[in-house]
Amino acid sequence: MSSRIDKTFAALADPHRRHAVELLGERPRRAGELADALGLSAPAMSRHLRELKQGGLVEETHPEFDSRVRIYALKAGAMTEMKRWLADTEAMWSAQLSAFKAHVEKKRK
């Protein structure tokens, strides 16, 4: 597994971060808006957003009118590699389980 997928899974390991990803899936949001929605303090939200950025899941922008404001959004294609890994893993398990089923059914006869 690549280190990029490891970072993505690590970022998604926390329920607050998964909920933040769900909220960002609806639309981009300010950090304070996310903190309020998740019931977190600003410093805690900042730590979670840093993890999501390091995991390659979100990106931040600054509106032209105020460079102090940060808008967070899901990064396009951020989960492509992880979804590919999951599909490959599912295919491997399906093949393994099918072979096991065939083996068990053969033994019954």
PDB file of N, CA and C in Angstrom:
ATOM      1  N   MET A   1       0.850  -1.165   0.000  1.00  0.00           N
ATOM      2  CA  MET A   1       0.000   0.000   0.000  1.00  0.00           C
ATOM      3  C   MET A   1       0.902   1.236   0.000  1.00  0.00           C
ATOM      4  N   SER A   2       0.526   2.234  -0.760  1.00  0.00           N
ATOM      5  CA  SER A   2       1.370   3.423  -0.856  1.00  0.00           C
ATOM      6  C   SER A   2       1.209   4.309   0.376  1.00  0.00           C
ATOM      7  N   SER A   3       2.199   5.149   0.609  1.00  0.00           N
ATOM      8  CA  SER A   3       2.129   6.049   1.764  1.00  0.00           C
ATOM      9  C   SER A   3       0.986   7.049   1.611  1.00  0.00           C
ATOM     10  N   ARG A   4       0.617   7.350   0.373  1.00  0.00           N
ATOM     11  CA  ARG A   4      -0.500   8.279   0.152  1.00  0.00           C
ATOM     12  C   ARG A   4      -1.813   7.676   0.669  1.00  0.00           C
ATOM     13  N   ILE A   5      -2.034   6.401   0.373  1.00  0.00           N
ATOM     14  CA  ILE A   5      -3.236   5.726   0.871  1.00  0.00           C
ATOM     15  C   ILE A   5      -3.182   5.626   2.391  1.00  0.00           C
ATOM     16  N   ASP A   6      -2.002   5.344   2.942  1.00  0.00           N
ATOM     17  CA  ASP A   6      -1.847   5.287   4.398  1.00  0.00           C
ATOM     18  C   ASP A   6      -2.260   6.606   5.031  1.00  0.00           C
ATOM     19  N   LYS A   7      -1.827   7.712   4.431  1.00  0.00           N
ATOM     20  CA  LYS A   7      -2.176   9.033   4.966  1.00  0.00           C
ATOM     21  C   LYS A   7      -3.674   9.299   4.843  1.00  0.00           C
ATOM     22  N   THR A   8      -4.274   8.844   3.750  1.00  0.00           N
ATOM     23  CA  THR A   8      -5.715   9.034   3.559  1.00  0.00           C
ATOM     24  C   THR A   8      -6.484   8.257   4.613  1.00  0.00           C
ATOM     25  N   PHE A   9      -6.131   6.978   4.816  1.00  0.00           N
ATOM     26  CA  PHE A   9      -6.805   6.174   5.835  1.00  0.00           C
ATOM     27  C   PHE A   9      -6.586   6.754   7.227  1.00  0.00           C
ATOM     28  N   ALA A  10      -5.379   7.223   7.514  1.00  0.00           N
ATOM     29  CA  ALA A  10      -5.089   7.815   8.821  1.00  0.00           C
ATOM     30  C   ALA A  10      -5.950   9.064   9.040  1.00  0.00           C
ATOM     31  N   ALA A  11      -6.098   9.868   7.995  1.00  0.00           N
ATOM     32  CA  ALA A  11      -6.915  11.081   8.113  1.00  0.00           C
ATOM     33  C   ALA A  11      -8.377  10.734   8.352  1.00  0.00           C
ATOM     34  N   LEU A  12      -8.845   9.646   7.765  1.00  0.00           N
ATOM     35  CA  LEU A  12     -10.253   9.250   7.904  1.00  0.00           C
ATOM     36  C   LEU A  12     -10.509   8.390   9.143  1.00  0.00           C
ATOM     37  N   ALA A  13      -9.472   8.089   9.911  1.00  0.00           N
ATOM     38  CA  ALA A  13      -9.625   7.222  11.076  1.00  0.00           C
ATOM     39  C   ALA A  13     -10.434   7.867  12.191  1.00  0.00           C
ATOM     40  N   ASP A  14     -10.465   9.180  12.230  1.00  0.00           N
ATOM     41  CA  ASP A  14     -11.168   9.886  13.302  1.00  0.00           C
ATOM     42  C   ASP A  14     -12.600  10.222  12.888  1.00  0.00           C
ATOM     43  N   PRO A  15     -13.577   9.964  13.758  1.00  0.00           N
ATOM     44  CA  PRO A  15     -14.976  10.253  13.391  1.00  0.00           C
ATOM     45  C   PRO A  15     -15.261  11.727  13.129  1.00  0.00           C
ATOM     46  N   HIS A  16     -14.568  12.629  13.832  1.00  0.00           N
ATOM     47  CA  HIS A  16     -14.772  14.061  13.577  1.00  0.00           C
ATOM     48  C   HIS A  16     -14.311  14.429  12.165  1.00  0.00           C
ATOM     49  N   ARG A  17     -13.189  13.845  11.756  1.00  0.00           N
ATOM     50  CA  ARG A  17     -12.689  14.146  10.414  1.00  0.00           C
ATOM     51  C   ARG A  17     -13.593  13.546   9.343  1.00  0.00           C
ATOM     52  N   ARG A  18     -14.119  12.347   9.588  1.00  0.00           N
ATOM     53  CA  ARG A  18     -15.063  11.768   8.619  1.00  0.00           C
ATOM     54  C   ARG A  18     -16.316  12.625   8.512  1.00  0.00           C
ATOM     55  N   HIS A  19     -16.794  13.141   9.632  1.00  0.00           N
ATOM     56  CA  HIS A  19     -17.969  14.011   9.594  1.00  0.00           C
ATOM     57  C   HIS A  19     -17.638  15.311   8.858  1.00  0.00           C
ATOM     58  N   ALA A  20     -16.446  15.845   9.075  1.00  0.00           N
ATOM     59  CA  ALA A  20     -16.030  17.058   8.355  1.00  0.00           C
ATOM     60  C   ALA A  20     -16.011  16.798   6.851  1.00  0.00           C
ATOM     61  N   VAL A  21     -15.522  15.635   6.435  1.00  0.00           N
ATOM     62  CA  VAL A  21     -15.510  15.284   5.009  1.00  0.00           C
ATOM     63  C   VAL A  21     -16.939  15.220   4.477  1.00  0.00           C
ATOM     64  N   GLU A  22     -17.852  14.646   5.259  1.00  0.00           N
ATOM     65  CA  GLU A  22     -19.260  14.596   4.838  1.00  0.00           C
ATOM     66  C   GLU A  22     -19.822  16.001   4.653  1.00  0.00           C
ATOM     67  N   LEU A  23     -19.534  16.892   5.600  1.00  0.00           N
ATOM     68  CA  LEU A  23     -20.018  18.274   5.500  1.00  0.00           C
ATOM     69  C   LEU A  23     -19.412  18.986   4.298  1.00  0.00           C
ATOM     70  N   LEU A  24     -18.129  18.759   4.065  1.00  0.00           N
ATOM     71  CA  LEU A  24     -17.468  19.393   2.917  1.00  0.00           C
ATOM     72  C   LEU A  24     -17.957  18.794   1.599  1.00  0.00           C
ATOM     73  N   GLY A  25     -18.499  17.586   1.656  1.00  0.00           N
ATOM     74  CA  GLY A  25     -19.094  16.994   0.469  1.00  0.00           C
ATOM     75  C   GLY A  25     -20.341  17.738   0.026  1.00  0.00           C
ATOM     76  N   GLU A  26     -20.982  18.429   0.952  1.00  0.00           N
ATOM     77  CA  GLU A  26     -22.165  19.237   0.631  1.00  0.00           C
ATOM     78  C   GLU A  26     -21.765  20.544  -0.038  1.00  0.00           C
ATOM     79  N   ARG A  27     -20.711  21.179   0.525  1.00  0.00           N
ATOM     80  CA  ARG A  27     -20.234  22.453  -0.017  1.00  0.00           C
ATOM     81  C   ARG A  27     -18.983  22.885   0.744  1.00  0.00           C
ATOM     82  N   PRO A  28     -18.185  23.779   0.163  1.00  0.00           N
ATOM     83  CA  PRO A  28     -17.034  24.317   0.895  1.00  0.00           C
ATOM     84  C   PRO A  28     -17.507  25.099   2.124  1.00  0.00           C
ATOM     85  N   ARG A  29     -16.668  25.119   3.154  1.00  0.00           N
ATOM     86  CA  ARG A  29     -17.031  25.798   4.402  1.00  0.00           C
ATOM     87  C   ARG A  29     -15.812  26.448   5.050  1.00  0.00           C
ATOM     88  N   ARG A  30     -16.090  27.440   5.879  1.00  0.00           N
ATOM     89  CA  ARG A  30     -15.046  28.062   6.693  1.00  0.00           C
ATOM     90  C   ARG A  30     -14.713  27.131   7.860  1.00  0.00           C
ATOM     91  N   ALA A  31     -13.510  27.259   8.395  1.00  0.00           N
ATOM     92  CA  ALA A  31     -13.086  26.426   9.517  1.00  0.00           C
ATOM     93  C   ALA A  31     -14.018  26.610  10.712  1.00  0.00           C
ATOM     94  N   GLY A  32     -14.401  27.848  11.003  1.00  0.00           N
ATOM     95  CA  GLY A  32     -15.294  28.110  12.137  1.00  0.00           C
ATOM     96  C   GLY A  32     -16.660  27.474  11.955  1.00  0.00           C
ATOM     97  N   GLU A  33     -17.130  27.462  10.732  1.00  0.00           N
ATOM     98  CA  GLU A  33     -18.414  26.830  10.420  1.00  0.00           C
ATOM     99  C   GLU A  33     -18.341  25.326  10.679  1.00  0.00           C
ATOM    100  N   LEU A  34     -17.239  24.707  10.282  1.00  0.00           N
ATOM    101  CA  LEU A  34     -17.045  23.283  10.543  1.00  0.00           C
ATOM    102  C   LEU A  34     -16.956  23.006  12.039  1.00  0.00           C
ATOM    103  N   ALA A  35     -16.202  23.843  12.749  1.00  0.00           N
ATOM    104  CA  ALA A  35     -16.053  23.673  14.196  1.00  0.00           C
ATOM    105  C   ALA A  35     -17.407  23.744  14.888  1.00  0.00           C
ATOM    106  N   ASP A  36     -18.218  24.717  14.510  1.00  0.00           N
ATOM    107  CA  ASP A  36     -19.558  24.844  15.109  1.00  0.00           C
ATOM    108  C   ASP A  36     -20.407  23.618  14.815  1.00  0.00           C
ATOM    109  N   ALA A  37     -20.385  23.155  13.574  1.00  0.00           N
ATOM    110  CA  ALA A  37     -21.204  22.005  13.178  1.00  0.00           C
ATOM    111  C   ALA A  37     -20.769  20.731  13.900  1.00  0.00           C
ATOM    112  N   LEU A  38     -19.486  20.631  14.206  1.00  0.00           N
ATOM    113  CA  LEU A  38     -18.960  19.422  14.850  1.00  0.00           C
ATOM    114  C   LEU A  38     -18.878  19.554  16.369  1.00  0.00           C
ATOM    115  N   GLY A  39     -19.155  20.757  16.891  1.00  0.00           N
ATOM    116  CA  GLY A  39     -19.069  20.982  18.331  1.00  0.00           C
ATOM    117  C   GLY A  39     -17.648  20.942  18.855  1.00  0.00           C
ATOM    118  N   LEU A  40     -16.705  21.445  18.058  1.00  0.00           N
ATOM    119  CA  LEU A  40     -15.293  21.442  18.430  1.00  0.00           C
ATOM    120  C   LEU A  40     -14.789  22.860  18.655  1.00  0.00           C
ATOM    121  N   SER A  41     -13.729  22.968  19.433  1.00  0.00           N
ATOM    122  CA  SER A  41     -13.072  24.263  19.601  1.00  0.00           C
ATOM    123  C   SER A  41     -12.304  24.587  18.319  1.00  0.00           C
ATOM    124  N   ALA A  42     -11.969  25.857  18.157  1.00  0.00           N
ATOM    125  CA  ALA A  42     -11.201  26.272  16.970  1.00  0.00           C
ATOM    126  C   ALA A  42      -9.851  25.554  16.891  1.00  0.00           C
ATOM    127  N   PRO A  43      -9.092  25.447  18.011  1.00  0.00           N
ATOM    128  CA  PRO A  43      -7.809  24.738  17.910  1.00  0.00           C
ATOM    129  C   PRO A  43      -7.980  23.262  17.538  1.00  0.00           C
ATOM    130  N   ALA A  44      -9.011  22.610  18.080  1.00  0.00           N
ATOM    131  CA  ALA A  44      -9.245  21.192  17.743  1.00  0.00           C
ATOM    132  C   ALA A  44      -9.594  21.054  16.265  1.00  0.00           C
ATOM    133  N   MET A  45     -10.438  21.945  15.758  1.00  0.00           N
ATOM    134  CA  MET A  45     -10.816  21.895  14.347  1.00  0.00           C
ATOM    135  C   MET A  45      -9.604  22.136  13.471  1.00  0.00           C
ATOM    136  N   SER A  46      -8.755  23.043  13.886  1.00  0.00           N
ATOM    137  CA  SER A  46      -7.533  23.332  13.138  1.00  0.00           C
ATOM    138  C   SER A  46      -6.659  22.087  13.028  1.00  0.00           C
ATOM    139  N   ARG A  47      -6.529  21.342  14.124  1.00  0.00           N
ATOM    140  CA  ARG A  47      -5.728  20.107  14.098  1.00  0.00           C
ATOM    141  C   ARG A  47      -6.352  19.087  13.145  1.00  0.00           C
ATOM    142  N   HIS A  48      -7.683  18.950  13.179  1.00  0.00           N
ATOM    143  CA  HIS A  48      -8.355  18.001  12.291  1.00  0.00           C
ATOM    144  C   HIS A  48      -8.197  18.416  10.828  1.00  0.00           C
ATOM    145  N   LEU A  49      -8.315  19.696  10.549  1.00  0.00           N
ATOM    146  CA  LEU A  49      -8.152  20.168   9.172  1.00  0.00           C
ATOM    147  C   LEU A  49      -6.723  19.963   8.683  1.00  0.00           C
ATOM    148  N   ARG A  50      -5.766  20.144   9.570  1.00  0.00           N
ATOM    149  CA  ARG A  50      -4.360  19.903   9.196  1.00  0.00           C
ATOM    150  C   ARG A  50      -4.169  18.425   8.816  1.00  0.00           C
ATOM    151  N   GLU A  51      -4.765  17.524   9.576  1.00  0.00           N
ATOM    152  CA  GLU A  51      -4.685  16.092   9.255  1.00  0.00           C
ATOM    153  C   GLU A  51      -5.351  15.784   7.914  1.00  0.00           C
ATOM    154  N   LEU A  52      -6.500  16.399   7.666  1.00  0.00           N
ATOM    155  CA  LEU A  52      -7.199  16.180   6.394  1.00  0.00           C
ATOM    156  C   LEU A  52      -6.389  16.717   5.219  1.00  0.00           C
ATOM    157  N   LYS A  53      -5.714  17.847   5.424  1.00  0.00           N
ATOM    158  CA  LYS A  53      -4.850  18.390   4.365  1.00  0.00           C
ATOM    159  C   LYS A  53      -3.654  17.482   4.132  1.00  0.00           C
ATOM    160  N   GLN A  54      -3.028  16.998   5.214  1.00  0.00           N
ATOM    161  CA  GLN A  54      -1.884  16.102   5.077  1.00  0.00           C
ATOM    162  C   GLN A  54      -2.287  14.784   4.427  1.00  0.00           C
ATOM    163  N   GLY A  55      -3.529  14.377   4.645  1.00  0.00           N
ATOM    164  CA  GLY A  55      -4.038  13.167   4.018  1.00  0.00           C
ATOM    165  C   GLY A  55      -4.442  13.381   2.575  1.00  0.00           C
ATOM    166  N   GLY A  56      -4.329  14.620   2.098  1.00  0.00           N
ATOM    167  CA  GLY A  56      -4.638  14.936   0.702  1.00  0.00           C
ATOM    168  C   GLY A  56      -6.117  14.996   0.394  1.00  0.00           C
ATOM    169  N   LEU A  57      -6.947  15.140   1.429  1.00  0.00           N
ATOM    170  CA  LEU A  57      -8.396  15.117   1.228  1.00  0.00           C
ATOM    171  C   LEU A  57      -9.023  16.494   1.038  1.00  0.00           C
ATOM    172  N   VAL A  58      -8.454  17.501   1.654  1.00  0.00           N
ATOM    173  CA  VAL A  58      -9.035  18.843   1.539  1.00  0.00           C
ATOM    174  C   VAL A  58      -7.977  19.843   1.111  1.00  0.00           C
ATOM    175  N   GLU A  59      -8.468  20.943   0.587  1.00  0.00           N
ATOM    176  CA  GLU A  59      -7.590  22.057   0.230  1.00  0.00           C
ATOM    177  C   GLU A  59      -8.219  23.329   0.768  1.00  0.00           C
ATOM    178  N   GLU A  60      -7.394  24.320   0.974  1.00  0.00           N
ATOM    179  CA  GLU A  60      -7.905  25.593   1.490  1.00  0.00           C
ATOM    180  C   GLU A  60      -7.642  26.710   0.503  1.00  0.00           C
ATOM    181  N   THR A  61      -8.569  27.645   0.477  1.00  0.00           N
ATOM    182  CA  THR A  61      -8.412  28.844  -0.344  1.00  0.00           C
ATOM    183  C   THR A  61      -8.707  30.053   0.533  1.00  0.00           C
ATOM    184  N   HIS A  62      -8.290  31.192   0.049  1.00  0.00           N
ATOM    185  CA  HIS A  62      -8.531  32.450   0.752  1.00  0.00           C
ATOM    186  C   HIS A  62      -9.318  33.365  -0.185  1.00  0.00           C
ATOM    187  N   PRO A  63     -10.466  33.850   0.264  1.00  0.00           N
ATOM    188  CA  PRO A  63     -11.212  34.773  -0.596  1.00  0.00           C
ATOM    189  C   PRO A  63     -10.436  36.080  -0.790  1.00  0.00           C
ATOM    190  N   GLU A  64     -10.649  36.705  -1.910  1.00  0.00           N
ATOM    191  CA  GLU A  64      -9.923  37.941  -2.219  1.00  0.00           C
ATOM    192  C   GLU A  64     -10.190  39.054  -1.205  1.00  0.00           C
ATOM    193  N   PHE A  65     -11.393  39.080  -0.648  1.00  0.00           N
ATOM    194  CA  PHE A  65     -11.762  40.172   0.243  1.00  0.00           C
ATOM    195  C   PHE A  65     -11.108  40.097   1.619  1.00  0.00           C
ATOM    196  N   ASP A  66     -10.621  38.911   2.034  1.00  0.00           N
ATOM    197  CA  ASP A  66     -10.019  38.781   3.361  1.00  0.00           C
ATOM    198  C   ASP A  66      -9.100  37.566   3.382  1.00  0.00           C
ATOM    199  N   SER A  67      -7.801  37.819   3.389  1.00  0.00           N
ATOM    200  CA  SER A  67      -6.841  36.709   3.340  1.00  0.00           C
ATOM    201  C   SER A  67      -6.771  35.946   4.660  1.00  0.00           C
ATOM    202  N   ARG A  68      -7.406  36.476   5.713  1.00  0.00           N
ATOM    203  CA  ARG A  68      -7.410  35.761   6.996  1.00  0.00           C
ATOM    204  C   ARG A  68      -8.435  34.631   7.017  1.00  0.00           C
ATOM    205  N   VAL A  69      -9.430  34.722   6.145  1.00  0.00           N
ATOM    206  CA  VAL A  69     -10.481  33.709   6.085  1.00  0.00           C
ATOM    207  C   VAL A  69      -9.998  32.538   5.252  1.00  0.00           C
ATOM    208  N   ARG A  70     -10.232  31.347   5.748  1.00  0.00           N
ATOM    209  CA  ARG A  70      -9.863  30.140   5.010  1.00  0.00           C
ATOM    210  C   ARG A  70     -11.128  29.357   4.695  1.00  0.00           C
ATOM    211  N   ILE A  71     -11.250  29.020   3.439  1.00  0.00           N
ATOM    212  CA  ILE A  71     -12.377  28.214   2.981  1.00  0.00           C
ATOM    213  C   ILE A  71     -11.829  26.827   2.643  1.00  0.00           C
ATOM    214  N   TYR A  72     -12.451  25.817   3.213  1.00  0.00           N
ATOM    215  CA  TYR A  72     -12.005  24.441   2.988  1.00  0.00           C
ATOM    216  C   TYR A  72     -12.976  23.729   2.059  1.00  0.00           C
ATOM    217  N   ALA A  73     -12.422  22.920   1.178  1.00  0.00           N
ATOM    218  CA  ALA A  73     -13.218  22.145   0.218  1.00  0.00           C
ATOM    219  C   ALA A  73     -12.542  20.801   0.012  1.00  0.00           C
ATOM    220  N   LEU A  74     -13.335  19.824  -0.412  1.00  0.00           N
ATOM    221  CA  LEU A  74     -12.752  18.524  -0.749  1.00  0.00           C
ATOM    222  C   LEU A  74     -11.872  18.678  -1.971  1.00  0.00           C
ATOM    223  N   LYS A  75     -10.766  17.999  -1.960  1.00  0.00           N
ATOM    224  CA  LYS A  75      -9.833  18.044  -3.082  1.00  0.00           C
ATOM    225  C   LYS A  75     -10.315  17.070  -4.156  1.00  0.00           C
ATOM    226  N   ALA A  76     -10.418  17.549  -5.368  1.00  0.00           N
ATOM    227  CA  ALA A  76     -10.886  16.719  -6.484  1.00  0.00           C
ATOM    228  C   ALA A  76      -9.986  15.504  -6.666  1.00  0.00           C
ATOM    229  N   GLY A  77     -10.580  14.342  -6.773  1.00  0.00           N
ATOM    230  CA  GLY A  77      -9.831  13.116  -7.015  1.00  0.00           C
ATOM    231  C   GLY A  77      -9.022  12.615  -5.836  1.00  0.00           C
ATOM    232  N   ALA A  78      -9.270  13.169  -4.656  1.00  0.00           N
ATOM    233  CA  ALA A  78      -8.451  12.820  -3.493  1.00  0.00           C
ATOM    234  C   ALA A  78      -8.560  11.353  -3.101  1.00  0.00           C
ATOM    235  N   MET A  79      -9.686  10.747  -3.360  1.00  0.00           N
ATOM    236  CA  MET A  79      -9.882   9.363  -2.930  1.00  0.00           C
ATOM    237  C   MET A  79      -9.767   8.359  -4.073  1.00  0.00           C
ATOM    238  N   THR A  80      -9.320   8.791  -5.220  1.00  0.00           N
ATOM    239  CA  THR A  80      -9.229   7.900  -6.379  1.00  0.00           C
ATOM    240  C   THR A  80      -8.332   6.704  -6.107  1.00  0.00           C
ATOM    241  N   GLU A  81      -7.142   6.943  -5.584  1.00  0.00           N
ATOM    242  CA  GLU A  81      -6.200   5.856  -5.319  1.00  0.00           C
ATOM    243  C   GLU A  81      -6.742   4.913  -4.241  1.00  0.00           C
ATOM    244  N   MET A  82      -7.379   5.476  -3.209  1.00  0.00           N
ATOM    245  CA  MET A  82      -7.942   4.656  -2.155  1.00  0.00           C
ATOM    246  C   MET A  82      -9.100   3.804  -2.682  1.00  0.00           C
ATOM    247  N   LYS A  83      -9.959   4.389  -3.520  1.00  0.00           N
ATOM    248  CA  LYS A  83     -11.074   3.630  -4.090  1.00  0.00           C
ATOM    249  C   LYS A  83     -10.556   2.503  -4.987  1.00  0.00           C
ATOM    250  N   ARG A  84      -9.493   2.749  -5.727  1.00  0.00           N
ATOM    251  CA  ARG A  84      -8.893   1.708  -6.566  1.00  0.00           C
ATOM    252  C   ARG A  84      -8.357   0.572  -5.691  1.00  0.00           C
ATOM    253  N   TRP A  85      -7.682   0.923  -4.598  1.00  0.00           N
ATOM    254  CA  TRP A  85      -7.158  -0.084  -3.686  1.00  0.00           C
ATOM    255  C   TRP A  85      -8.300  -0.899  -3.082  1.00  0.00           C
ATOM    256  N   LEU A  86      -9.373  -0.235  -2.678  1.00  0.00           N
ATOM    257  CA  LEU A  86     -10.526  -0.938  -2.114  1.00  0.00           C
ATOM    258  C   LEU A  86     -11.161  -1.884  -3.134  1.00  0.00           C
ATOM    259  N   ALA A  87     -11.284  -1.441  -4.379  1.00  0.00           N
ATOM    260  CA  ALA A  87     -11.857  -2.297  -5.436  1.00  0.00           C
ATOM    261  C   ALA A  87     -10.970  -3.515  -5.677  1.00  0.00           C
ATOM    262  N   ASP A  88      -9.658  -3.314  -5.710  1.00  0.00           N
ATOM    263  CA  ASP A  88      -8.730  -4.435  -5.906  1.00  0.00           C
ATOM    264  C   ASP A  88      -8.805  -5.413  -4.732  1.00  0.00           C
ATOM    265  N   THR A  89      -8.888  -4.882  -3.531  1.00  0.00           N
ATOM    266  CA  THR A  89      -8.975  -5.717  -2.337  1.00  0.00           C
ATOM    267  C   THR A  89     -10.289  -6.493  -2.316  1.00  0.00           C
ATOM    268  N   GLU A  90     -11.369  -5.842  -2.689  1.00  0.00           N
ATOM    269  CA  GLU A  90     -12.663  -6.521  -2.756  1.00  0.00           C
ATOM    270  C   GLU A  90     -12.631  -7.648  -3.791  1.00  0.00           C
ATOM    271  N   ALA A  91     -12.034  -7.400  -4.944  1.00  0.00           N
ATOM    272  CA  ALA A  91     -11.932  -8.424  -5.986  1.00  0.00           C
ATOM    273  C   ALA A  91     -11.105  -9.613  -5.493  1.00  0.00           C
ATOM    274  N   MET A  92     -10.022  -9.341  -4.782  1.00  0.00           N
ATOM    275  CA  MET A  92      -9.184 -10.406  -4.239  1.00  0.00           C
ATOM    276  C   MET A  92      -9.982 -11.250  -3.244  1.00  0.00           C
ATOM    277  N   TRP A  93     -10.720 -10.601  -2.337  1.00  0.00           N
ATOM    278  CA  TRP A  93     -11.510 -11.339  -1.349  1.00  0.00           C
ATOM    279  C   TRP A  93     -12.639 -12.118  -2.017  1.00  0.00           C
ATOM    280  N   SER A  94     -13.259 -11.544  -3.013  1.00  0.00           N
ATOM    281  CA  SER A  94     -14.322 -12.265  -3.733  1.00  0.00           C
ATOM    282  C   SER A  94     -13.776 -13.524  -4.377  1.00  0.00           C
ATOM    283  N   ALA A  95     -12.611 -13.418  -4.981  1.00  0.00           N
ATOM    284  CA  ALA A  95     -11.982 -14.580  -5.609  1.00  0.00           C
ATOM    285  C   ALA A  95     -11.631 -15.630  -4.554  1.00  0.00           C
ATOM    286  N   GLN A  96     -11.092 -15.185  -3.428  1.00  0.00           N
ATOM    287  CA  GLN A  96     -10.732 -16.107  -2.345  1.00  0.00           C
ATOM    288  C   GLN A  96     -11.968 -16.823  -1.798  1.00  0.00           C
ATOM    289  N   LEU A  97     -13.032 -16.067  -1.567  1.00  0.00           N
ATOM    290  CA  LEU A  97     -14.260 -16.663  -1.026  1.00  0.00           C
ATOM    291  C   LEU A  97     -14.928 -17.593  -2.036  1.00  0.00           C
ATOM    292  N   SER A  98     -14.883 -17.242  -3.305  1.00  0.00           N
ATOM    293  CA  SER A  98     -15.441 -18.123  -4.340  1.00  0.00           C
ATOM    294  C   SER A  98     -14.674 -19.436  -4.401  1.00  0.00           C
ATOM    295  N   ALA A  99     -13.357 -19.362  -4.321  1.00  0.00           N
ATOM    296  CA  ALA A  99     -12.528 -20.569  -4.334  1.00  0.00           C
ATOM    297  C   ALA A  99     -12.810 -21.412  -3.093  1.00  0.00           C
ATOM    298  N   PHE A 100     -12.966 -20.763  -1.952  1.00  0.00           N
ATOM    299  CA  PHE A 100     -13.274 -21.492  -0.714  1.00  0.00           C
ATOM    300  C   PHE A 100     -14.635 -22.175  -0.816  1.00  0.00           C
ATOM    301  N   LYS A 101     -15.628 -21.467  -1.341  1.00  0.00           N
ATOM    302  CA  LYS A 101     -16.961 -22.038  -1.517  1.00  0.00           C
ATOM    303  C   LYS A 101     -16.898 -23.255  -2.433  1.00  0.00           C
ATOM    304  N   ALA A 102     -16.187 -23.149  -3.546  1.00  0.00           N
ATOM    305  CA  ALA A 102     -16.050 -24.265  -4.478  1.00  0.00           C
ATOM    306  C   ALA A 102     -15.380 -25.449  -3.801  1.00  0.00           C
ATOM    307  N   HIS A 103     -14.385 -25.188  -2.981  1.00  0.00           N
ATOM    308  CA  HIS A 103     -13.681 -26.245  -2.255  1.00  0.00           C
ATOM    309  C   HIS A 103     -14.620 -26.949  -1.273  1.00  0.00           C
ATOM    310  N   VAL A 104     -15.393 -26.180  -0.517  1.00  0.00           N
ATOM    311  CA  VAL A 104     -16.324 -26.755   0.461  1.00  0.00           C
ATOM    312  C   VAL A 104     -17.405 -27.580  -0.246  1.00  0.00           C
ATOM    313  N   GLU A 105     -17.945 -27.045  -1.332  1.00  0.00           N
ATOM    314  CA  GLU A 105     -18.983 -27.763  -2.070  1.00  0.00           C
ATOM    315  C   GLU A 105     -18.441 -29.049  -2.694  1.00  0.00           C
ATOM    316  N   LYS A 106     -17.181 -29.021  -3.118  1.00  0.00           N
ATOM    317  CA  LYS A 106     -16.544 -30.217  -3.696  1.00  0.00           C
ATOM    318  C   LYS A 106     -16.386 -31.290  -2.623  1.00  0.00           C
ATOM    319  N   LYS A 107     -16.041 -30.875  -1.392  1.00  0.00           N
ATOM    320  CA  LYS A 107     -15.840 -31.810  -0.280  1.00  0.00           C
ATOM    321  C   LYS A 107     -17.167 -32.471   0.134  1.00  0.00           C
ATOM    322  N   ARG A 108     -18.281 -31.755  -0.037  1.00  0.00           N
ATOM    323  CA  ARG A 108     -19.589 -32.290   0.344  1.00  0.00           C
ATOM    324  C   ARG A 108     -20.012 -33.457  -0.535  1.00  0.00           C
ATOM    325  N   LYS A 109     -19.573 -33.486  -1.768  1.00  0.00           N
ATOM    326  CA  LYS A 109     -19.986 -34.512  -2.739  1.00  0.00           C
ATOM    327  C   LYS A 109     -19.322 -35.811  -2.519  1.00  0.00           C
TER     328      LYS A 109
END
